[in-house]
Amino acid sequence: LLIFCALITQQCYAQNTNNNYPDYLQPDHAVNAVTMVMLHDV
């Protein structure tokens, strides 16, 4: 989970030059958060 968190954080705050919205608003950040809870729940 810690490694997955780090990977997600790296993706979320990577430079995003193609869009004009904040990096933390990337949809996959929310999906990855959902994945982590499903990982917990098996």
PDB file of all heavy atoms in Angstrom:
ATOM      1  N   LEU A   1       0.826  -1.202   0.000  1.00  0.00           N
ATOM      2  CA  LEU A   1       0.000   0.000   0.000  1.00  0.00           C
ATOM      3  C   LEU A   1       0.860   1.252   0.000  1.00  0.00           C
ATOM      4  O   LEU A   1       0.553   2.232  -0.682  1.00  0.00           O
ATOM      5  CB  LEU A   1      -0.931  -0.010   1.215  1.00  0.00           C
ATOM      6  CG  LEU A   1      -2.048  -1.047   1.210  1.00  0.00           C
ATOM      7  CD1 LEU A   1      -2.842  -0.970   2.503  1.00  0.00           C
ATOM      8  CD2 LEU A   1      -2.975  -0.854   0.022  1.00  0.00           C
ATOM      9  N   LEU A   2       1.952   1.228   0.777  1.00  0.00           N
ATOM     10  CA  LEU A   2       2.826   2.386   0.825  1.00  0.00           C
ATOM     11  C   LEU A   2       3.483   2.645  -0.531  1.00  0.00           C
ATOM     12  O   LEU A   2       3.582   3.790  -0.983  1.00  0.00           O
ATOM     13  CB  LEU A   2       3.904   2.182   1.898  1.00  0.00           C
ATOM     14  CG  LEU A   2       3.416   2.274   3.355  1.00  0.00           C
ATOM     15  CD1 LEU A   2       4.553   1.914   4.300  1.00  0.00           C
ATOM     16  CD2 LEU A   2       2.894   3.676   3.667  1.00  0.00           C
ATOM     17  N   ILE A   3       3.928   1.586  -1.182  1.00  0.00           N
ATOM     18  CA  ILE A   3       4.537   1.739  -2.512  1.00  0.00           C
ATOM     19  C   ILE A   3       3.498   2.239  -3.506  1.00  0.00           C
ATOM     20  O   ILE A   3       3.769   3.108  -4.334  1.00  0.00           O
ATOM     21  CB  ILE A   3       5.142   0.412  -2.997  1.00  0.00           C
ATOM     22  CG1 ILE A   3       6.275  -0.023  -2.068  1.00  0.00           C
ATOM     23  CG2 ILE A   3       5.684   0.549  -4.421  1.00  0.00           C
ATOM     24  CD1 ILE A   3       6.836  -1.401  -2.381  1.00  0.00           C
ATOM     25  N   PHE A   4       2.281   1.679  -3.400  1.00  0.00           N
ATOM     26  CA  PHE A   4       1.215   2.092  -4.315  1.00  0.00           C
ATOM     27  C   PHE A   4       0.884   3.566  -4.102  1.00  0.00           C
ATOM     28  O   PHE A   4       0.672   4.307  -5.052  1.00  0.00           O
ATOM     29  CB  PHE A   4      -0.017   1.223  -4.071  1.00  0.00           C
ATOM     30  CG  PHE A   4      -0.970   1.178  -5.232  1.00  0.00           C
ATOM     31  CD1 PHE A   4      -0.546   0.702  -6.452  1.00  0.00           C
ATOM     32  CD2 PHE A   4      -2.284   1.597  -5.103  1.00  0.00           C
ATOM     33  CE1 PHE A   4      -1.407   0.640  -7.537  1.00  0.00           C
ATOM     34  CE2 PHE A   4      -3.150   1.544  -6.177  1.00  0.00           C
ATOM     35  CZ  PHE A   4      -2.719   1.059  -7.388  1.00  0.00           C
ATOM     36  N   CYS A   5       0.861   3.993  -2.826  1.00  0.00           N
ATOM     37  CA  CYS A   5       0.626   5.404  -2.511  1.00  0.00           C
ATOM     38  C   CYS A   5       1.694   6.290  -3.154  1.00  0.00           C
ATOM     39  O   CYS A   5       1.390   7.339  -3.726  1.00  0.00           O
ATOM     40  CB  CYS A   5       0.616   5.614  -1.000  1.00  0.00           C
ATOM     41  SG  CYS A   5      -0.880   5.095  -0.171  1.00  0.00           S
ATOM     42  N   ALA A   6       2.934   5.859  -3.024  1.00  0.00           N
ATOM     43  CA  ALA A   6       4.039   6.633  -3.582  1.00  0.00           C
ATOM     44  C   ALA A   6       3.922   6.734  -5.095  1.00  0.00           C
ATOM     45  O   ALA A   6       4.164   7.783  -5.688  1.00  0.00           O
ATOM     46  CB  ALA A   6       5.376   5.992  -3.201  1.00  0.00           C
ATOM     47  N   LEU A   7       3.535   5.627  -5.710  1.00  0.00           N
ATOM     48  CA  LEU A   7       3.383   5.601  -7.161  1.00  0.00           C
ATOM     49  C   LEU A   7       2.272   6.534  -7.601  1.00  0.00           C
ATOM     50  O   LEU A   7       2.413   7.291  -8.561  1.00  0.00           O
ATOM     51  CB  LEU A   7       3.073   4.169  -7.617  1.00  0.00           C
ATOM     52  CG  LEU A   7       3.033   3.908  -9.123  1.00  0.00           C
ATOM     53  CD1 LEU A   7       4.376   4.242  -9.758  1.00  0.00           C
ATOM     54  CD2 LEU A   7       2.672   2.462  -9.395  1.00  0.00           C
ATOM     55  N   ILE A   8       1.157   6.491  -6.877  1.00  0.00           N
ATOM     56  CA  ILE A   8       0.030   7.368  -7.193  1.00  0.00           C
ATOM     57  C   ILE A   8       0.434   8.827  -7.018  1.00  0.00           C
ATOM     58  O   ILE A   8       0.140   9.680  -7.855  1.00  0.00           O
ATOM     59  CB  ILE A   8      -1.171   7.047  -6.283  1.00  0.00           C
ATOM     60  CG1 ILE A   8      -1.740   5.673  -6.637  1.00  0.00           C
ATOM     61  CG2 ILE A   8      -2.265   8.094  -6.437  1.00  0.00           C
ATOM     62  CD1 ILE A   8      -2.742   5.171  -5.638  1.00  0.00           C
ATOM     63  N   THR A   9       1.114   9.132  -5.892  1.00  0.00           N
ATOM     64  CA  THR A   9       1.527  10.505  -5.633  1.00  0.00           C
ATOM     65  C   THR A   9       2.443  11.013  -6.737  1.00  0.00           C
ATOM     66  O   THR A   9       2.311  12.136  -7.215  1.00  0.00           O
ATOM     67  CB  THR A   9       2.258  10.592  -4.281  1.00  0.00           C
ATOM     68  OG1 THR A   9       1.375  10.118  -3.261  1.00  0.00           O
ATOM     69  CG2 THR A   9       2.655  12.027  -3.978  1.00  0.00           C
ATOM     70  N   GLN A  10       3.359  10.170  -7.171  1.00  0.00           N
ATOM     71  CA  GLN A  10       4.268  10.534  -8.252  1.00  0.00           C
ATOM     72  C   GLN A  10       3.490  10.867  -9.518  1.00  0.00           C
ATOM     73  O   GLN A  10       3.782  11.839 -10.198  1.00  0.00           O
ATOM     74  CB  GLN A  10       5.231   9.387  -8.521  1.00  0.00           C
ATOM     75  CG  GLN A  10       6.206   9.669  -9.662  1.00  0.00           C
ATOM     76  CD  GLN A  10       7.099   8.472  -9.944  1.00  0.00           C
ATOM     77  OE1 GLN A  10       7.077   7.488  -9.223  1.00  0.00           O
ATOM     78  NE2 GLN A  10       7.855   8.565 -11.011  1.00  0.00           N
ATOM     79  N   GLN A  11       2.454  10.085  -9.799  1.00  0.00           N
ATOM     80  CA  GLN A  11       1.649  10.327 -10.993  1.00  0.00           C
ATOM     81  C   GLN A  11       0.835  11.604 -10.848  1.00  0.00           C
ATOM     82  O   GLN A  11       0.704  12.400 -11.768  1.00  0.00           O
ATOM     83  CB  GLN A  11       0.729   9.144 -11.256  1.00  0.00           C
ATOM     84  CG  GLN A  11       1.460   7.889 -11.666  1.00  0.00           C
ATOM     85  CD  GLN A  11       0.528   6.695 -11.723  1.00  0.00           C
ATOM     86  OE1 GLN A  11      -0.571   6.738 -11.202  1.00  0.00           O
ATOM     87  NE2 GLN A  11       0.982   5.640 -12.356  1.00  0.00           N
ATOM     88  N   CYS A  12       0.268  11.793  -9.660  1.00  0.00           N
ATOM     89  CA  CYS A  12      -0.649  12.907  -9.459  1.00  0.00           C
ATOM     90  C   CYS A  12       0.045  14.257  -9.535  1.00  0.00           C
ATOM     91  O   CYS A  12      -0.557  15.248  -9.930  1.00  0.00           O
ATOM     92  CB  CYS A  12      -1.346  12.769  -8.111  1.00  0.00           C
ATOM     93  SG  CYS A  12      -2.574  11.474  -8.105  1.00  0.00           S
ATOM     94  N   TYR A  13       1.310  14.306  -9.127  1.00  0.00           N
ATOM     95  CA  TYR A  13       1.999  15.573  -9.099  1.00  0.00           C
ATOM     96  C   TYR A  13       3.032  15.702 -10.217  1.00  0.00           C
ATOM     97  O   TYR A  13       3.824  16.635 -10.236  1.00  0.00           O
ATOM     98  CB  TYR A  13       2.647  15.786  -7.728  1.00  0.00           C
ATOM     99  CG  TYR A  13       1.595  15.944  -6.664  1.00  0.00           C
ATOM    100  CD1 TYR A  13       1.198  14.867  -5.888  1.00  0.00           C
ATOM    101  CD2 TYR A  13       0.949  17.163  -6.500  1.00  0.00           C
ATOM    102  CE1 TYR A  13       0.196  15.002  -4.940  1.00  0.00           C
ATOM    103  CE2 TYR A  13      -0.055  17.306  -5.557  1.00  0.00           C
ATOM    104  CZ  TYR A  13      -0.432  16.215  -4.771  1.00  0.00           C
ATOM    105  OH  TYR A  13      -1.427  16.348  -3.848  1.00  0.00           O
ATOM    106  N   ALA A  14       2.997  14.739 -11.147  1.00  0.00           N
ATOM    107  CA  ALA A  14       3.864  14.856 -12.314  1.00  0.00           C
ATOM    108  C   ALA A  14       3.430  16.063 -13.136  1.00  0.00           C
ATOM    109  O   ALA A  14       2.265  16.443 -13.149  1.00  0.00           O
ATOM    110  CB  ALA A  14       3.775  13.583 -13.155  1.00  0.00           C
ATOM    111  N   GLN A  15       4.374  16.674 -13.815  1.00  0.00           N
ATOM    112  CA  GLN A  15       4.047  17.851 -14.602  1.00  0.00           C
ATOM    113  C   GLN A  15       3.036  17.491 -15.682  1.00  0.00           C
ATOM    114  O   GLN A  15       3.183  16.524 -16.403  1.00  0.00           O
ATOM    115  CB  GLN A  15       5.314  18.428 -15.240  1.00  0.00           C
ATOM    116  CG  GLN A  15       5.062  19.750 -15.969  1.00  0.00           C
ATOM    117  CD  GLN A  15       6.340  20.345 -16.500  1.00  0.00           C
ATOM    118  OE1 GLN A  15       7.398  19.721 -16.417  1.00  0.00           O
ATOM    119  NE2 GLN A  15       6.265  21.531 -17.054  1.00  0.00           N
ATOM    120  N   ASN A  16       2.024  18.309 -15.792  1.00  0.00           N
ATOM    121  CA  ASN A  16       0.962  18.056 -16.760  1.00  0.00           C
ATOM    122  C   ASN A  16       0.813  19.292 -17.629  1.00  0.00           C
ATOM    123  O   ASN A  16       0.178  20.265 -17.231  1.00  0.00           O
ATOM    124  CB  ASN A  16      -0.346  17.755 -16.018  1.00  0.00           C
ATOM    125  CG  ASN A  16      -1.497  17.537 -16.978  1.00  0.00           C
ATOM    126  OD1 ASN A  16      -1.288  17.299 -18.158  1.00  0.00           O
ATOM    127  ND2 ASN A  16      -2.708  17.635 -16.468  1.00  0.00           N
ATOM    128  N   THR A  17       1.417  19.280 -18.795  1.00  0.00           N
ATOM    129  CA  THR A  17       1.455  20.462 -19.652  1.00  0.00           C
ATOM    130  C   THR A  17       0.319  20.493 -20.658  1.00  0.00           C
ATOM    131  O   THR A  17       0.145  21.482 -21.359  1.00  0.00           O
ATOM    132  CB  THR A  17       2.784  20.507 -20.422  1.00  0.00           C
ATOM    133  OG1 THR A  17       2.906  19.315 -21.203  1.00  0.00           O
ATOM    134  CG2 THR A  17       3.961  20.580 -19.477  1.00  0.00           C
ATOM    135  N   ASN A  18      -0.480  19.419 -20.720  1.00  0.00           N
ATOM    136  CA  ASN A  18      -1.504  19.342 -21.751  1.00  0.00           C
ATOM    137  C   ASN A  18      -2.879  19.806 -21.270  1.00  0.00           C
ATOM    138  O   ASN A  18      -3.793  19.939 -22.053  1.00  0.00           O
ATOM    139  CB  ASN A  18      -1.630  17.899 -22.248  1.00  0.00           C
ATOM    140  CG  ASN A  18      -0.363  17.449 -22.932  1.00  0.00           C
ATOM    141  OD1 ASN A  18       0.095  18.095 -23.851  1.00  0.00           O
ATOM    142  ND2 ASN A  18       0.210  16.355 -22.469  1.00  0.00           N
ATOM    143  N   ASN A  19      -3.026  20.044 -19.967  1.00  0.00           N
ATOM    144  CA  ASN A  19      -4.327  20.412 -19.431  1.00  0.00           C
ATOM    145  C   ASN A  19      -4.209  21.638 -18.548  1.00  0.00           C
ATOM    146  O   ASN A  19      -3.161  21.939 -18.003  1.00  0.00           O
ATOM    147  CB  ASN A  19      -4.913  19.243 -18.623  1.00  0.00           C
ATOM    148  CG  ASN A  19      -5.084  17.998 -19.492  1.00  0.00           C
ATOM    149  OD1 ASN A  19      -5.781  18.034 -20.485  1.00  0.00           O
ATOM    150  ND2 ASN A  19      -4.416  16.919 -19.107  1.00  0.00           N
ATOM    151  N   ASN A  20      -5.327  22.337 -18.394  1.00  0.00           N
ATOM    152  CA  ASN A  20      -5.313  23.561 -17.612  1.00  0.00           C
ATOM    153  C   ASN A  20      -6.013  23.392 -16.277  1.00  0.00           C
ATOM    154  O   ASN A  20      -6.535  24.336 -15.716  1.00  0.00           O
ATOM    155  CB  ASN A  20      -5.975  24.705 -18.404  1.00  0.00           C
ATOM    156  CG  ASN A  20      -7.409  24.382 -18.782  1.00  0.00           C
ATOM    157  OD1 ASN A  20      -7.923  23.323 -18.440  1.00  0.00           O
ATOM    158  ND2 ASN A  20      -8.053  25.310 -19.482  1.00  0.00           N
ATOM    159  N   TYR A  21      -6.038  22.180 -15.752  1.00  0.00           N
ATOM    160  CA  TYR A  21      -6.610  21.946 -14.430  1.00  0.00           C
ATOM    161  C   TYR A  21      -5.535  21.361 -13.525  1.00  0.00           C
ATOM    162  O   TYR A  21      -4.562  20.768 -13.997  1.00  0.00           O
ATOM    163  CB  TYR A  21      -7.839  21.036 -14.512  1.00  0.00           C
ATOM    164  CG  TYR A  21      -7.615  19.669 -15.107  1.00  0.00           C
ATOM    165  CD1 TYR A  21      -7.346  18.569 -14.301  1.00  0.00           C
ATOM    166  CD2 TYR A  21      -7.683  19.458 -16.484  1.00  0.00           C
ATOM    167  CE1 TYR A  21      -7.144  17.315 -14.837  1.00  0.00           C
ATOM    168  CE2 TYR A  21      -7.490  18.207 -17.033  1.00  0.00           C
ATOM    169  CZ  TYR A  21      -7.224  17.137 -16.202  1.00  0.00           C
ATOM    170  OH  TYR A  21      -7.024  15.904 -16.732  1.00  0.00           O
ATOM    171  N   PRO A  22      -5.684  21.543 -12.209  1.00  0.00           N
ATOM    172  CA  PRO A  22      -4.632  21.103 -11.274  1.00  0.00           C
ATOM    173  C   PRO A  22      -4.335  19.619 -11.391  1.00  0.00           C
ATOM    174  O   PRO A  22      -5.225  18.810 -11.666  1.00  0.00           O
ATOM    175  CB  PRO A  22      -5.235  21.439  -9.903  1.00  0.00           C
ATOM    176  CG  PRO A  22      -6.238  22.508 -10.172  1.00  0.00           C
ATOM    177  CD  PRO A  22      -6.810  22.190 -11.516  1.00  0.00           C
ATOM    178  N   ASP A  23      -3.104  19.264 -11.134  1.00  0.00           N
ATOM    179  CA  ASP A  23      -2.692  17.872 -11.260  1.00  0.00           C
ATOM    180  C   ASP A  23      -3.448  16.959 -10.301  1.00  0.00           C
ATOM    181  O   ASP A  23      -3.698  15.795 -10.616  1.00  0.00           O
ATOM    182  CB  ASP A  23      -1.188  17.744 -11.023  1.00  0.00           C
ATOM    183  CG  ASP A  23      -0.378  18.386 -12.136  1.00  0.00           C
ATOM    184  OD1 ASP A  23      -0.768  18.233 -13.302  1.00  0.00           O
ATOM    185  OD2 ASP A  23       0.627  19.047 -11.840  1.00  0.00           O
ATOM    186  N   TYR A  24      -3.813  17.472  -9.126  1.00  0.00           N
ATOM    187  CA  TYR A  24      -4.513  16.614  -8.174  1.00  0.00           C
ATOM    188  C   TYR A  24      -5.939  16.304  -8.601  1.00  0.00           C
ATOM    189  O   TYR A  24      -6.611  15.478  -8.007  1.00  0.00           O
ATOM    190  CB  TYR A  24      -4.495  17.219  -6.762  1.00  0.00           C
ATOM    191  CG  TYR A  24      -5.144  18.588  -6.630  1.00  0.00           C
ATOM    192  CD1 TYR A  24      -6.530  18.736  -6.631  1.00  0.00           C
ATOM    193  CD2 TYR A  24      -4.365  19.729  -6.474  1.00  0.00           C
ATOM    194  CE1 TYR A  24      -7.113  19.979  -6.501  1.00  0.00           C
ATOM    195  CE2 TYR A  24      -4.936  20.981  -6.344  1.00  0.00           C
ATOM    196  CZ  TYR A  24      -6.316  21.110  -6.352  1.00  0.00           C
ATOM    197  OH  TYR A  24      -6.903  22.341  -6.227  1.00  0.00           O
ATOM    198  N   LEU A  25      -6.404  16.948  -9.670  1.00  0.00           N
ATOM    199  CA  LEU A  25      -7.746  16.676 -10.190  1.00  0.00           C
ATOM    200  C   LEU A  25      -7.736  15.591 -11.259  1.00  0.00           C
ATOM    201  O   LEU A  25      -8.759  15.344 -11.896  1.00  0.00           O
ATOM    202  CB  LEU A  25      -8.362  17.951 -10.775  1.00  0.00           C
ATOM    203  CG  LEU A  25      -9.374  18.684  -9.891  1.00  0.00           C
ATOM    204  CD1 LEU A  25      -9.867  19.946 -10.585  1.00  0.00           C
ATOM    205  CD2 LEU A  25     -10.551  17.793  -9.535  1.00  0.00           C
ATOM    206  N   GLN A  26      -6.593  14.977 -11.490  1.00  0.00           N
ATOM    207  CA  GLN A  26      -6.549  13.890 -12.464  1.00  0.00           C
ATOM    208  C   GLN A  26      -7.494  12.769 -12.003  1.00  0.00           C
ATOM    209  O   GLN A  26      -7.383  12.276 -10.870  1.00  0.00           O
ATOM    210  CB  GLN A  26      -5.126  13.342 -12.584  1.00  0.00           C
ATOM    211  CG  GLN A  26      -4.131  14.303 -13.208  1.00  0.00           C
ATOM    212  CD  GLN A  26      -4.198  14.311 -14.727  1.00  0.00           C
ATOM    213  OE1 GLN A  26      -5.006  13.596 -15.319  1.00  0.00           O
ATOM    214  NE2 GLN A  26      -3.369  15.105 -15.357  1.00  0.00           N
ATOM    215  N   PRO A  27      -8.425  12.333 -12.843  1.00  0.00           N
ATOM    216  CA  PRO A  27      -9.403  11.309 -12.438  1.00  0.00           C
ATOM    217  C   PRO A  27      -8.796  10.019 -11.908  1.00  0.00           C
ATOM    218  O   PRO A  27      -9.359   9.383 -11.017  1.00  0.00           O
ATOM    219  CB  PRO A  27     -10.199  11.066 -13.726  1.00  0.00           C
ATOM    220  CG  PRO A  27     -10.092  12.346 -14.477  1.00  0.00           C
ATOM    221  CD  PRO A  27      -8.698  12.836 -14.203  1.00  0.00           C
ATOM    222  N   ASP A  28      -7.626   9.623 -12.443  1.00  0.00           N
ATOM    223  CA  ASP A  28      -7.071   8.344 -12.012  1.00  0.00           C
ATOM    224  C   ASP A  28      -6.604   8.375 -10.558  1.00  0.00           C
ATOM    225  O   ASP A  28      -6.461   7.334  -9.923  1.00  0.00           O
ATOM    226  CB  ASP A  28      -5.937   7.899 -12.939  1.00  0.00           C
ATOM    227  CG  ASP A  28      -4.717   8.789 -12.857  1.00  0.00           C
ATOM    228  OD1 ASP A  28      -4.891  10.014 -12.818  1.00  0.00           O
ATOM    229  OD2 ASP A  28      -3.594   8.260 -12.836  1.00  0.00           O
ATOM    230  N   HIS A  29      -6.378   9.570 -10.013  1.00  0.00           N
ATOM    231  CA  HIS A  29      -6.034   9.665  -8.600  1.00  0.00           C
ATOM    232  C   HIS A  29      -7.198   9.150  -7.748  1.00  0.00           C
ATOM    233  O   HIS A  29      -6.996   8.395  -6.782  1.00  0.00           O
ATOM    234  CB  HIS A  29      -5.707  11.120  -8.235  1.00  0.00           C
ATOM    235  CG  HIS A  29      -5.249  11.303  -6.826  1.00  0.00           C
ATOM    236  ND1 HIS A  29      -4.611  10.319  -6.107  1.00  0.00           N
ATOM    237  CD2 HIS A  29      -5.339  12.384  -5.998  1.00  0.00           C
ATOM    238  CE1 HIS A  29      -4.321  10.780  -4.893  1.00  0.00           C
ATOM    239  NE2 HIS A  29      -4.765  12.027  -4.799  1.00  0.00           N
ATOM    240  N   ALA A  30      -8.414   9.517  -8.111  1.00  0.00           N
ATOM    241  CA  ALA A  30      -9.605   9.054  -7.386  1.00  0.00           C
ATOM    242  C   ALA A  30      -9.799   7.554  -7.584  1.00  0.00           C
ATOM    243  O   ALA A  30     -10.114   6.823  -6.639  1.00  0.00           O
ATOM    244  CB  ALA A  30     -10.836   9.819  -7.846  1.00  0.00           C
ATOM    245  N   VAL A  31      -9.615   7.080  -8.822  1.00  0.00           N
ATOM    246  CA  VAL A  31      -9.790   5.652  -9.109  1.00  0.00           C
ATOM    247  C   VAL A  31      -8.772   4.820  -8.339  1.00  0.00           C
ATOM    248  O   VAL A  31      -9.094   3.763  -7.789  1.00  0.00           O
ATOM    249  CB  VAL A  31      -9.677   5.382 -10.623  1.00  0.00           C
ATOM    250  CG1 VAL A  31      -9.709   3.876 -10.910  1.00  0.00           C
ATOM    251  CG2 VAL A  31     -10.808   6.085 -11.371  1.00  0.00           C
ATOM    252  N   ASN A  32      -7.533   5.296  -8.268  1.00  0.00           N
ATOM    253  CA  ASN A  32      -6.503   4.571  -7.534  1.00  0.00           C
ATOM    254  C   ASN A  32      -6.815   4.515  -6.041  1.00  0.00           C
ATOM    255  O   ASN A  32      -6.516   3.521  -5.372  1.00  0.00           O
ATOM    256  CB  ASN A  32      -5.136   5.210  -7.767  1.00  0.00           C
ATOM    257  CG  ASN A  32      -4.596   4.938  -9.159  1.00  0.00           C
ATOM    258  OD1 ASN A  32      -4.947   3.946  -9.778  1.00  0.00           O
ATOM    259  ND2 ASN A  32      -3.748   5.820  -9.646  1.00  0.00           N
ATOM    260  N   ALA A  33      -7.424   5.564  -5.522  1.00  0.00           N
ATOM    261  CA  ALA A  33      -7.832   5.557  -4.116  1.00  0.00           C
ATOM    262  C   ALA A  33      -8.900   4.487  -3.884  1.00  0.00           C
ATOM    263  O   ALA A  33      -8.891   3.784  -2.865  1.00  0.00           O
ATOM    264  CB  ALA A  33      -8.366   6.933  -3.719  1.00  0.00           C
ATOM    265  N   VAL A  34      -9.807   4.344  -4.839  1.00  0.00           N
ATOM    266  CA  VAL A  34     -10.837   3.303  -4.760  1.00  0.00           C
ATOM    267  C   VAL A  34     -10.180   1.923  -4.812  1.00  0.00           C
ATOM    268  O   VAL A  34     -10.545   1.008  -4.062  1.00  0.00           O
ATOM    269  CB  VAL A  34     -11.851   3.464  -5.911  1.00  0.00           C
ATOM    270  CG1 VAL A  34     -12.856   2.309  -5.910  1.00  0.00           C
ATOM    271  CG2 VAL A  34     -12.581   4.797  -5.799  1.00  0.00           C
ATOM    272  N   THR A  35      -9.197   1.770  -5.687  1.00  0.00           N
ATOM    273  CA  THR A  35      -8.489   0.494  -5.815  1.00  0.00           C
ATOM    274  C   THR A  35      -7.849   0.087  -4.493  1.00  0.00           C
ATOM    275  O   THR A  35      -7.876  -1.087  -4.109  1.00  0.00           O
ATOM    276  CB  THR A  35      -7.407   0.590  -6.902  1.00  0.00           C
ATOM    277  OG1 THR A  35      -8.029   0.798  -8.171  1.00  0.00           O
ATOM    278  CG2 THR A  35      -6.565  -0.679  -6.967  1.00  0.00           C
ATOM    279  N   MET A  36      -7.282   1.024  -3.786  1.00  0.00           N
ATOM    280  CA  MET A  36      -6.612   0.710  -2.531  1.00  0.00           C
ATOM    281  C   MET A  36      -7.586   0.171  -1.489  1.00  0.00           C
ATOM    282  O   MET A  36      -7.249  -0.735  -0.718  1.00  0.00           O
ATOM    283  CB  MET A  36      -5.878   1.939  -2.013  1.00  0.00           C
ATOM    284  CG  MET A  36      -4.672   2.310  -2.848  1.00  0.00           C
ATOM    285  SD  MET A  36      -3.789   3.754  -2.215  1.00  0.00           S
ATOM    286  CE  MET A  36      -3.188   3.109  -0.669  1.00  0.00           C
ATOM    287  N   VAL A  37      -8.794   0.720  -1.457  1.00  0.00           N
ATOM    288  CA  VAL A  37      -9.783   0.212  -0.511  1.00  0.00           C
ATOM    289  C   VAL A  37     -10.236  -1.185  -0.929  1.00  0.00           C
ATOM    290  O   VAL A  37     -10.425  -2.071  -0.082  1.00  0.00           O
ATOM    291  CB  VAL A  37     -10.986   1.168  -0.400  1.00  0.00           C
ATOM    292  CG1 VAL A  37     -12.061   0.581   0.508  1.00  0.00           C
ATOM    293  CG2 VAL A  37     -10.539   2.518   0.143  1.00  0.00           C
ATOM    294  N   MET A  38     -10.391  -1.419  -2.236  1.00  0.00           N
ATOM    295  CA  MET A  38     -10.758  -2.756  -2.697  1.00  0.00           C
ATOM    296  C   MET A  38      -9.638  -3.756  -2.406  1.00  0.00           C
ATOM    297  O   MET A  38      -9.896  -4.916  -2.110  1.00  0.00           O
ATOM    298  CB  MET A  38     -11.097  -2.733  -4.189  1.00  0.00           C
ATOM    299  CG  MET A  38     -12.467  -2.139  -4.483  1.00  0.00           C
ATOM    300  SD  MET A  38     -13.114  -2.648  -6.075  1.00  0.00           S
ATOM    301  CE  MET A  38     -12.482  -1.350  -7.103  1.00  0.00           C
ATOM    302  N   LEU A  39      -8.400  -3.304  -2.495  1.00  0.00           N
ATOM    303  CA  LEU A  39      -7.264  -4.153  -2.140  1.00  0.00           C
ATOM    304  C   LEU A  39      -7.368  -4.552  -0.668  1.00  0.00           C
ATOM    305  O   LEU A  39      -7.167  -5.716  -0.313  1.00  0.00           O
ATOM    306  CB  LEU A  39      -5.961  -3.395  -2.410  1.00  0.00           C
ATOM    307  CG  LEU A  39      -4.647  -4.131  -2.211  1.00  0.00           C
ATOM    308  CD1 LEU A  39      -4.475  -5.230  -3.250  1.00  0.00           C
ATOM    309  CD2 LEU A  39      -3.476  -3.146  -2.307  1.00  0.00           C
ATOM    310  N   HIS A  40      -7.704  -3.608   0.161  1.00  0.00           N
ATOM    311  CA  HIS A  40      -7.887  -3.873   1.592  1.00  0.00           C
ATOM    312  C   HIS A  40      -9.012  -4.872   1.831  1.00  0.00           C
ATOM    313  O   HIS A  40      -8.901  -5.769   2.674  1.00  0.00           O
ATOM    314  CB  HIS A  40      -8.193  -2.558   2.321  1.00  0.00           C
ATOM    315  CG  HIS A  40      -8.627  -2.720   3.738  1.00  0.00           C
ATOM    316  ND1 HIS A  40      -9.954  -2.944   4.085  1.00  0.00           N
ATOM    317  CD2 HIS A  40      -7.932  -2.696   4.901  1.00  0.00           C
ATOM    318  CE1 HIS A  40     -10.042  -3.057   5.405  1.00  0.00           C
ATOM    319  NE2 HIS A  40      -8.839  -2.909   5.925  1.00  0.00           N
ATOM    320  N   ASP A  41     -10.095  -4.749   1.066  1.00  0.00           N
ATOM    321  CA  ASP A  41     -11.280  -5.583   1.263  1.00  0.00           C
ATOM    322  C   ASP A  41     -11.194  -6.949   0.581  1.00  0.00           C
ATOM    323  O   ASP A  41     -12.102  -7.770   0.727  1.00  0.00           O
ATOM    324  CB  ASP A  41     -12.526  -4.855   0.743  1.00  0.00           C
ATOM    325  CG  ASP A  41     -12.975  -3.727   1.661  1.00  0.00           C
ATOM    326  OD1 ASP A  41     -12.523  -3.706   2.825  1.00  0.00           O
ATOM    327  OD2 ASP A  41     -13.762  -2.874   1.222  1.00  0.00           O
ATOM    328  N   VAL A  42     -10.141  -7.188  -0.199  1.00  0.00           N
ATOM    329  CA  VAL A  42      -9.984  -8.430  -0.970  1.00  0.00           C
ATOM    330  C   VAL A  42     -11.237  -8.667  -1.826  1.00  0.00           C
ATOM    331  O   VAL A  42     -11.893  -9.713  -1.750  1.00  0.00           O
ATOM    332  CB  VAL A  42      -9.721  -9.649  -0.060  1.00  0.00           C
ATOM    333  CG1 VAL A  42      -9.231 -10.830  -0.900  1.00  0.00           C
ATOM    334  CG2 VAL A  42      -8.695  -9.337   1.008  1.00  0.00           C
TER     335      VAL A  42
END
